[in-house]
Amino acid sequence: MDTFGGSWVNGITAVDIDADGDVDLAVESNSSTEPVWLNDGQGGFSAAYVALPGMCHDGASGDIDGDGDDDLVLAALYLDGAYLVRIE
């Protein structure tokens, strides 16, 4: 069994973060240093620290900007508003 995220995981969003065609995992948690989990294409995951905002409550993915790849929307846990992360 794989384990993703530290304590207080609020949600997990499946999205192709590295645009390589397989589904990666963005873990929304109370941590400001939570890694994303990159899929190796064989079902294995490795932690990667990329520039995503930390301390998020929930997330969703979809092609927000119409460029053909998924983007990530994260709801801030303690701050007002949400973050749009454009995946290029």
PDB file of N, CA and C in Angstrom:
ATOM      1  N   MET A   1       0.843  -1.166   0.000  1.00  0.00           N
ATOM      2  CA  MET A   1       0.000   0.000   0.000  1.00  0.00           C
ATOM      3  C   MET A   1       0.895   1.237   0.000  1.00  0.00           C
ATOM      4  N   ASP A   2       0.568   2.197  -0.853  1.00  0.00           N
ATOM      5  CA  ASP A   2       1.281   3.470  -0.898  1.00  0.00           C
ATOM      6  C   ASP A   2       0.620   4.459   0.056  1.00  0.00           C
ATOM      7  N   THR A   3       1.406   5.319   0.627  1.00  0.00           N
ATOM      8  CA  THR A   3       0.904   6.369   1.510  1.00  0.00           C
ATOM      9  C   THR A   3       1.300   7.715   0.927  1.00  0.00           C
ATOM     10  N   PHE A   4       0.341   8.618   0.826  1.00  0.00           N
ATOM     11  CA  PHE A   4       0.585   9.949   0.274  1.00  0.00           C
ATOM     12  C   PHE A   4       0.205  11.005   1.295  1.00  0.00           C
ATOM     13  N   GLY A   5       1.055  11.991   1.465  1.00  0.00           N
ATOM     14  CA  GLY A   5       0.744  13.102   2.339  1.00  0.00           C
ATOM     15  C   GLY A   5       1.144  12.856   3.775  1.00  0.00           C
ATOM     16  N   GLY A   6       1.278  13.957   4.495  1.00  0.00           N
ATOM     17  CA  GLY A   6       1.601  13.904   5.912  1.00  0.00           C
ATOM     18  C   GLY A   6       0.322  13.871   6.730  1.00  0.00           C
ATOM     19  N   SER A   7       0.357  14.557   7.833  1.00  0.00           N
ATOM     20  CA  SER A   7      -0.833  14.589   8.678  1.00  0.00           C
ATOM     21  C   SER A   7      -1.845  15.597   8.146  1.00  0.00           C
ATOM     22  N   TRP A   8      -3.066  15.402   8.518  1.00  0.00           N
ATOM     23  CA  TRP A   8      -4.148  16.305   8.175  1.00  0.00           C
ATOM     24  C   TRP A   8      -4.327  16.493   6.672  1.00  0.00           C
ATOM     25  N   VAL A   9      -4.414  15.409   5.958  1.00  0.00           N
ATOM     26  CA  VAL A   9      -4.706  15.471   4.513  1.00  0.00           C
ATOM     27  C   VAL A   9      -6.173  15.828   4.346  1.00  0.00           C
ATOM     28  N   ASN A  10      -6.437  16.870   3.574  1.00  0.00           N
ATOM     29  CA  ASN A  10      -7.799  17.350   3.352  1.00  0.00           C
ATOM     30  C   ASN A  10      -8.393  16.837   2.053  1.00  0.00           C
ATOM     31  N   GLY A  11      -7.565  16.490   1.100  1.00  0.00           N
ATOM     32  CA  GLY A  11      -8.061  16.006  -0.181  1.00  0.00           C
ATOM     33  C   GLY A  11      -6.907  15.643  -1.094  1.00  0.00           C
ATOM     34  N   ILE A  12      -7.224  14.921  -2.146  1.00  0.00           N
ATOM     35  CA  ILE A  12      -6.241  14.555  -3.162  1.00  0.00           C
ATOM     36  C   ILE A  12      -6.874  14.802  -4.527  1.00  0.00           C
ATOM     37  N   THR A  13      -6.165  15.478  -5.403  1.00  0.00           N
ATOM     38  CA  THR A  13      -6.641  15.737  -6.756  1.00  0.00           C
ATOM     39  C   THR A  13      -5.743  15.020  -7.750  1.00  0.00           C
ATOM     40  N   ALA A  14      -6.348  14.220  -8.614  1.00  0.00           N
ATOM     41  CA  ALA A  14      -5.613  13.533  -9.679  1.00  0.00           C
ATOM     42  C   ALA A  14      -5.517  14.462 -10.877  1.00  0.00           C
ATOM     43  N   VAL A  15      -4.281  14.769 -11.295  1.00  0.00           N
ATOM     44  CA  VAL A  15      -4.043  15.697 -12.396  1.00  0.00           C
ATOM     45  C   VAL A  15      -2.658  15.416 -12.969  1.00  0.00           C
ATOM     46  N   ASP A  16      -2.493  15.597 -14.257  1.00  0.00           N
ATOM     47  CA  ASP A  16      -1.200  15.373 -14.900  1.00  0.00           C
ATOM     48  C   ASP A  16      -0.309  16.601 -14.702  1.00  0.00           C
ATOM     49  N   ILE A  17       0.368  16.680 -13.579  1.00  0.00           N
ATOM     50  CA  ILE A  17       1.151  17.853 -13.198  1.00  0.00           C
ATOM     51  C   ILE A  17       2.350  18.075 -14.115  1.00  0.00           C
ATOM     52  N   ASP A  18       3.022  17.007 -14.491  1.00  0.00           N
ATOM     53  CA  ASP A  18       4.238  17.153 -15.304  1.00  0.00           C
ATOM     54  C   ASP A  18       3.992  16.970 -16.801  1.00  0.00           C
ATOM     55  N   ALA A  19       2.723  16.917 -17.209  1.00  0.00           N
ATOM     56  CA  ALA A  19       2.318  16.869 -18.622  1.00  0.00           C
ATOM     57  C   ALA A  19       2.998  15.743 -19.398  1.00  0.00           C
ATOM     58  N   ASP A  20       3.115  14.575 -18.767  1.00  0.00           N
ATOM     59  CA  ASP A  20       3.730  13.433 -19.447  1.00  0.00           C
ATOM     60  C   ASP A  20       2.711  12.361 -19.839  1.00  0.00           C
ATOM     61  N   GLY A  21       1.428  12.652 -19.636  1.00  0.00           N
ATOM     62  CA  GLY A  21       0.381  11.739 -20.069  1.00  0.00           C
ATOM     63  C   GLY A  21      -0.129  10.778 -19.022  1.00  0.00           C
ATOM     64  N   ASP A  22       0.470  10.764 -17.828  1.00  0.00           N
ATOM     65  CA  ASP A  22      -0.075   9.915 -16.772  1.00  0.00           C
ATOM     66  C   ASP A  22      -0.538  10.773 -15.598  1.00  0.00           C
ATOM     67  N   VAL A  23      -1.384  10.198 -14.771  1.00  0.00           N
ATOM     68  CA  VAL A  23      -2.043  10.947 -13.707  1.00  0.00           C
ATOM     69  C   VAL A  23      -1.157  11.006 -12.467  1.00  0.00           C
ATOM     70  N   ASP A  24      -0.888  12.222 -12.019  1.00  0.00           N
ATOM     71  CA  ASP A  24      -0.129  12.480 -10.802  1.00  0.00           C
ATOM     72  C   ASP A  24      -1.107  12.873  -9.695  1.00  0.00           C
ATOM     73  N   LEU A  25      -0.597  13.065  -8.486  1.00  0.00           N
ATOM     74  CA  LEU A  25      -1.455  13.385  -7.354  1.00  0.00           C
ATOM     75  C   LEU A  25      -1.006  14.668  -6.674  1.00  0.00           C
ATOM     76  N   ALA A  26      -1.942  15.591  -6.500  1.00  0.00           N
ATOM     77  CA  ALA A  26      -1.714  16.784  -5.694  1.00  0.00           C
ATOM     78  C   ALA A  26      -2.453  16.570  -4.382  1.00  0.00           C
ATOM     79  N   VAL A  27      -1.726  16.600  -3.285  1.00  0.00           N
ATOM     80  CA  VAL A  27      -2.310  16.360  -1.969  1.00  0.00           C
ATOM     81  C   VAL A  27      -2.576  17.703  -1.299  1.00  0.00           C
ATOM     82  N   GLU A  28      -3.826  17.935  -0.941  1.00  0.00           N
ATOM     83  CA  GLU A  28      -4.190  19.157  -0.228  1.00  0.00           C
ATOM     84  C   GLU A  28      -4.144  18.850   1.270  1.00  0.00           C
ATOM     85  N   SER A  29      -3.365  19.646   1.998  1.00  0.00           N
ATOM     86  CA  SER A  29      -3.202  19.371   3.423  1.00  0.00           C
ATOM     87  C   SER A  29      -2.970  20.659   4.196  1.00  0.00           C
ATOM     88  N   ASN A  30      -2.806  20.513   5.503  1.00  0.00           N
ATOM     89  CA  ASN A  30      -2.501  21.649   6.360  1.00  0.00           C
ATOM     90  C   ASN A  30      -1.030  22.032   6.299  1.00  0.00           C
ATOM     91  N   SER A  31      -0.226  21.248   5.607  1.00  0.00           N
ATOM     92  CA  SER A  31       1.208  21.510   5.510  1.00  0.00           C
ATOM     93  C   SER A  31       1.511  22.517   4.405  1.00  0.00           C
ATOM     94  N   SER A  32       2.469  23.385   4.655  1.00  0.00           N
ATOM     95  CA  SER A  32       2.883  24.334   3.624  1.00  0.00           C
ATOM     96  C   SER A  32       4.001  23.759   2.765  1.00  0.00           C
ATOM     97  N   THR A  33       4.429  22.538   3.054  1.00  0.00           N
ATOM     98  CA  THR A  33       5.523  21.924   2.291  1.00  0.00           C
ATOM     99  C   THR A  33       5.127  20.554   1.736  1.00  0.00           C
ATOM    100  N   GLU A  34       3.860  20.339   1.476  1.00  0.00           N
ATOM    101  CA  GLU A  34       3.390  19.052   0.963  1.00  0.00           C
ATOM    102  C   GLU A  34       3.886  18.845  -0.470  1.00  0.00           C
ATOM    103  N   PRO A  35       4.514  17.705  -0.768  1.00  0.00           N
ATOM    104  CA  PRO A  35       4.960  17.471  -2.144  1.00  0.00           C
ATOM    105  C   PRO A  35       3.792  17.051  -3.035  1.00  0.00           C
ATOM    106  N   VAL A  36       4.001  17.128  -4.327  1.00  0.00           N
ATOM    107  CA  VAL A  36       3.101  16.457  -5.261  1.00  0.00           C
ATOM    108  C   VAL A  36       3.725  15.092  -5.543  1.00  0.00           C
ATOM    109  N   TRP A  37       2.919  14.175  -6.005  1.00  0.00           N
ATOM    110  CA  TRP A  37       3.384  12.815  -6.233  1.00  0.00           C
ATOM    111  C   TRP A  37       3.307  12.524  -7.716  1.00  0.00           C
ATOM    112  N   LEU A  38       4.474  12.369  -8.334  1.00  0.00           N
ATOM    113  CA  LEU A  38       4.558  12.165  -9.780  1.00  0.00           C
ATOM    114  C   LEU A  38       4.512  10.678 -10.099  1.00  0.00           C
ATOM    115  N   ASN A  39       3.638  10.332 -11.033  1.00  0.00           N
ATOM    116  CA  ASN A  39       3.470   8.957 -11.491  1.00  0.00           C
ATOM    117  C   ASN A  39       4.589   8.633 -12.471  1.00  0.00           C
ATOM    118  N   ASP A  40       5.209   7.478 -12.290  1.00  0.00           N
ATOM    119  CA  ASP A  40       6.306   7.083 -13.182  1.00  0.00           C
ATOM    120  C   ASP A  40       5.834   6.354 -14.432  1.00  0.00           C
ATOM    121  N   GLY A  41       4.516   6.250 -14.628  1.00  0.00           N
ATOM    122  CA  GLY A  41       3.965   5.563 -15.795  1.00  0.00           C
ATOM    123  C   GLY A  41       3.785   4.076 -15.595  1.00  0.00           C
ATOM    124  N   GLN A  42       4.309   3.557 -14.484  1.00  0.00           N
ATOM    125  CA  GLN A  42       4.183   2.137 -14.156  1.00  0.00           C
ATOM    126  C   GLN A  42       3.354   1.934 -12.891  1.00  0.00           C
ATOM    127  N   GLY A  43       2.735   3.007 -12.393  1.00  0.00           N
ATOM    128  CA  GLY A  43       1.925   2.922 -11.183  1.00  0.00           C
ATOM    129  C   GLY A  43       2.683   3.252  -9.916  1.00  0.00           C
ATOM    130  N   GLY A  44       3.957   3.613 -10.039  1.00  0.00           N
ATOM    131  CA  GLY A  44       4.734   4.041  -8.882  1.00  0.00           C
ATOM    132  C   GLY A  44       4.754   5.558  -8.800  1.00  0.00           C
ATOM    133  N   PHE A  45       4.921   6.093  -7.618  1.00  0.00           N
ATOM    134  CA  PHE A  45       4.914   7.538  -7.405  1.00  0.00           C
ATOM    135  C   PHE A  45       6.157   7.967  -6.654  1.00  0.00           C
ATOM    136  N   SER A  46       6.648   9.172  -6.952  1.00  0.00           N
ATOM    137  CA  SER A  46       7.763   9.742  -6.213  1.00  0.00           C
ATOM    138  C   SER A  46       7.406  11.178  -5.840  1.00  0.00           C
ATOM    139  N   ALA A  47       7.887  11.585  -4.664  1.00  0.00           N
ATOM    140  CA  ALA A  47       7.615  12.933  -4.169  1.00  0.00           C
ATOM    141  C   ALA A  47       8.419  13.947  -4.964  1.00  0.00           C
ATOM    142  N   ALA A  48       7.778  15.036  -5.325  1.00  0.00           N
ATOM    143  CA  ALA A  48       8.448  16.137  -6.018  1.00  0.00           C
ATOM    144  C   ALA A  48       7.981  17.443  -5.385  1.00  0.00           C
ATOM    145  N   TYR A  49       8.913  18.317  -5.141  1.00  0.00           N
ATOM    146  CA  TYR A  49       8.570  19.600  -4.538  1.00  0.00           C
ATOM    147  C   TYR A  49       8.556  20.642  -5.644  1.00  0.00           C
ATOM    148  N   VAL A  50       7.353  21.050  -6.020  1.00  0.00           N
ATOM    149  CA  VAL A  50       7.169  22.041  -7.074  1.00  0.00           C
ATOM    150  C   VAL A  50       6.477  23.255  -6.473  1.00  0.00           C
ATOM    151  N   ALA A  51       6.395  24.313  -7.226  1.00  0.00           N
ATOM    152  CA  ALA A  51       5.855  25.575  -6.726  1.00  0.00           C
ATOM    153  C   ALA A  51       4.329  25.551  -6.693  1.00  0.00           C
ATOM    154  N   LEU A  52       3.775  24.791  -5.743  1.00  0.00           N
ATOM    155  CA  LEU A  52       2.342  24.815  -5.496  1.00  0.00           C
ATOM    156  C   LEU A  52       2.111  25.473  -4.146  1.00  0.00           C
ATOM    157  N   PRO A  53       1.025  26.222  -4.001  1.00  0.00           N
ATOM    158  CA  PRO A  53       0.747  26.820  -2.689  1.00  0.00           C
ATOM    159  C   PRO A  53       0.419  25.723  -1.679  1.00  0.00           C
ATOM    160  N   GLY A  54       0.871  25.897  -0.470  1.00  0.00           N
ATOM    161  CA  GLY A  54       0.581  24.933   0.587  1.00  0.00           C
ATOM    162  C   GLY A  54      -0.643  25.339   1.374  1.00  0.00           C
ATOM    163  N   MET A  55      -0.972  24.526   2.348  1.00  0.00           N
ATOM    164  CA  MET A  55      -2.089  24.765   3.245  1.00  0.00           C
ATOM    165  C   MET A  55      -3.394  24.970   2.489  1.00  0.00           C
ATOM    166  N   CYS A  56      -3.788  23.944   1.754  1.00  0.00           N
ATOM    167  CA  CYS A  56      -5.007  24.001   0.955  1.00  0.00           C
ATOM    168  C   CYS A  56      -6.038  22.996   1.472  1.00  0.00           C
ATOM    169  N   HIS A  57      -7.271  23.320   1.239  1.00  0.00           N
ATOM    170  CA  HIS A  57      -8.370  22.515   1.736  1.00  0.00           C
ATOM    171  C   HIS A  57      -8.895  21.536   0.696  1.00  0.00           C
ATOM    172  N   ASP A  58      -8.946  21.941  -0.546  1.00  0.00           N
ATOM    173  CA  ASP A  58      -9.560  21.121  -1.584  1.00  0.00           C
ATOM    174  C   ASP A  58      -8.974  21.517  -2.930  1.00  0.00           C
ATOM    175  N   GLY A  59      -9.159  20.659  -3.928  1.00  0.00           N
ATOM    176  CA  GLY A  59      -8.650  20.960  -5.255  1.00  0.00           C
ATOM    177  C   GLY A  59      -9.523  20.358  -6.335  1.00  0.00           C
ATOM    178  N   ALA A  60      -9.345  20.842  -7.535  1.00  0.00           N
ATOM    179  CA  ALA A  60     -10.048  20.319  -8.708  1.00  0.00           C
ATOM    180  C   ALA A  60      -9.145  20.519  -9.915  1.00  0.00           C
ATOM    181  N   SER A  61      -9.324  19.691 -10.926  1.00  0.00           N
ATOM    182  CA  SER A  61      -8.519  19.837 -12.132  1.00  0.00           C
ATOM    183  C   SER A  61      -9.408  19.898 -13.354  1.00  0.00           C
ATOM    184  N   GLY A  62      -8.886  20.511 -14.405  1.00  0.00           N
ATOM    185  CA  GLY A  62      -9.573  20.639 -15.681  1.00  0.00           C
ATOM    186  C   GLY A  62      -8.801  21.621 -16.540  1.00  0.00           C
ATOM    187  N   ASP A  63      -9.142  21.691 -17.796  1.00  0.00           N
ATOM    188  CA  ASP A  63      -8.455  22.603 -18.713  1.00  0.00           C
ATOM    189  C   ASP A  63      -9.077  23.991 -18.589  1.00  0.00           C
ATOM    190  N   ILE A  64      -8.663  24.728 -17.591  1.00  0.00           N
ATOM    191  CA  ILE A  64      -9.248  26.038 -17.293  1.00  0.00           C
ATOM    192  C   ILE A  64      -8.953  27.058 -18.383  1.00  0.00           C
ATOM    193  N   ASP A  65      -7.731  27.053 -18.907  1.00  0.00           N
ATOM    194  CA  ASP A  65      -7.337  28.078 -19.865  1.00  0.00           C
ATOM    195  C   ASP A  65      -7.461  27.651 -21.329  1.00  0.00           C
ATOM    196  N   GLY A  66      -8.008  26.459 -21.594  1.00  0.00           N
ATOM    197  CA  GLY A  66      -8.283  26.028 -22.957  1.00  0.00           C
ATOM    198  C   GLY A  66      -7.061  25.718 -23.801  1.00  0.00           C
ATOM    199  N   ASP A  67      -5.923  25.398 -23.166  1.00  0.00           N
ATOM    200  CA  ASP A  67      -4.711  25.133 -23.938  1.00  0.00           C
ATOM    201  C   ASP A  67      -4.447  23.645 -24.164  1.00  0.00           C
ATOM    202  N   GLY A  68      -5.393  22.784 -23.756  1.00  0.00           N
ATOM    203  CA  GLY A  68      -5.267  21.361 -24.032  1.00  0.00           C
ATOM    204  C   GLY A  68      -4.668  20.526 -22.920  1.00  0.00           C
ATOM    205  N   ASP A  69      -4.210  21.163 -21.831  1.00  0.00           N
ATOM    206  CA  ASP A  69      -3.721  20.384 -20.700  1.00  0.00           C
ATOM    207  C   ASP A  69      -4.462  20.775 -19.434  1.00  0.00           C
ATOM    208  N   ASP A  70      -4.444  19.865 -18.466  1.00  0.00           N
ATOM    209  CA  ASP A  70      -5.143  20.125 -17.213  1.00  0.00           C
ATOM    210  C   ASP A  70      -4.459  21.213 -16.410  1.00  0.00           C
ATOM    211  N   ASP A  71      -5.248  21.964 -15.683  1.00  0.00           N
ATOM    212  CA  ASP A  71      -4.773  22.940 -14.723  1.00  0.00           C
ATOM    213  C   ASP A  71      -5.313  22.521 -13.360  1.00  0.00           C
ATOM    214  N   LEU A  72      -4.854  23.155 -12.324  1.00  0.00           N
ATOM    215  CA  LEU A  72      -5.208  22.782 -10.962  1.00  0.00           C
ATOM    216  C   LEU A  72      -5.728  24.000 -10.226  1.00  0.00           C
ATOM    217  N   VAL A  73      -6.870  23.869  -9.588  1.00  0.00           N
ATOM    218  CA  VAL A  73      -7.424  24.932  -8.762  1.00  0.00           C
ATOM    219  C   VAL A  73      -7.409  24.430  -7.325  1.00  0.00           C
ATOM    220  N   LEU A  74      -6.810  25.216  -6.433  1.00  0.00           N
ATOM    221  CA  LEU A  74      -6.686  24.835  -5.028  1.00  0.00           C
ATOM    222  C   LEU A  74      -7.371  25.872  -4.147  1.00  0.00           C
ATOM    223  N   ALA A  75      -8.198  25.416  -3.222  1.00  0.00           N
ATOM    224  CA  ALA A  75      -8.860  26.307  -2.274  1.00  0.00           C
ATOM    225  C   ALA A  75      -7.955  26.504  -1.063  1.00  0.00           C
ATOM    226  N   ALA A  76      -7.676  27.743  -0.741  1.00  0.00           N
ATOM    227  CA  ALA A  76      -6.808  28.060   0.391  1.00  0.00           C
ATOM    228  C   ALA A  76      -7.483  27.670   1.699  1.00  0.00           C
ATOM    229  N   LEU A  77      -6.688  27.157   2.630  1.00  0.00           N
ATOM    230  CA  LEU A  77      -7.223  26.705   3.909  1.00  0.00           C
ATOM    231  C   LEU A  77      -7.493  27.860   4.857  1.00  0.00           C
ATOM    232  N   TYR A  78      -6.537  28.753   5.047  1.00  0.00           N
ATOM    233  CA  TYR A  78      -6.704  29.832   6.010  1.00  0.00           C
ATOM    234  C   TYR A  78      -6.778  31.213   5.375  1.00  0.00           C
ATOM    235  N   LEU A  79      -6.488  31.304   4.098  1.00  0.00           N
ATOM    236  CA  LEU A  79      -6.535  32.585   3.405  1.00  0.00           C
ATOM    237  C   LEU A  79      -7.800  32.664   2.574  1.00  0.00           C
ATOM    238  N   ASP A  80      -8.194  33.855   2.207  1.00  0.00           N
ATOM    239  CA  ASP A  80      -9.369  34.016   1.359  1.00  0.00           C
ATOM    240  C   ASP A  80      -9.038  33.625  -0.073  1.00  0.00           C
ATOM    241  N   GLY A  81      -9.996  33.057  -0.765  1.00  0.00           N
ATOM    242  CA  GLY A  81      -9.842  32.797  -2.184  1.00  0.00           C
ATOM    243  C   GLY A  81      -9.279  31.436  -2.529  1.00  0.00           C
ATOM    244  N   ALA A  82      -8.870  31.334  -3.792  1.00  0.00           N
ATOM    245  CA  ALA A  82      -8.344  30.079  -4.327  1.00  0.00           C
ATOM    246  C   ALA A  82      -7.158  30.392  -5.219  1.00  0.00           C
ATOM    247  N   TYR A  83      -6.376  29.366  -5.509  1.00  0.00           N
ATOM    248  CA  TYR A  83      -5.214  29.483  -6.377  1.00  0.00           C
ATOM    249  C   TYR A  83      -5.477  28.750  -7.677  1.00  0.00           C
ATOM    250  N   LEU A  84      -5.112  29.342  -8.809  1.00  0.00           N
ATOM    251  CA  LEU A  84      -5.146  28.669 -10.097  1.00  0.00           C
ATOM    252  C   LEU A  84      -3.701  28.374 -10.481  1.00  0.00           C
ATOM    253  N   VAL A  85      -3.394  27.102 -10.645  1.00  0.00           N
ATOM    254  CA  VAL A  85      -2.061  26.675 -11.042  1.00  0.00           C
ATOM    255  C   VAL A  85      -2.139  26.220 -12.493  1.00  0.00           C
ATOM    256  N   ARG A  86      -1.569  26.988 -13.402  1.00  0.00           N
ATOM    257  CA  ARG A  86      -1.578  26.652 -14.831  1.00  0.00           C
ATOM    258  C   ARG A  86      -0.432  25.687 -15.114  1.00  0.00           C
ATOM    259  N   ILE A  87      -0.782  24.534 -15.630  1.00  0.00           N
ATOM    260  CA  ILE A  87       0.211  23.518 -15.952  1.00  0.00           C
ATOM    261  C   ILE A  87       0.528  23.649 -17.422  1.00  0.00           C
ATOM    262  N   GLU A  88       1.761  23.937 -17.730  1.00  0.00           N
ATOM    263  CA  GLU A  88       2.183  24.163 -19.119  1.00  0.00           C
ATOM    264  C   GLU A  88       2.910  22.963 -19.660  1.00  0.00           C
TER     265      GLU A  88
END
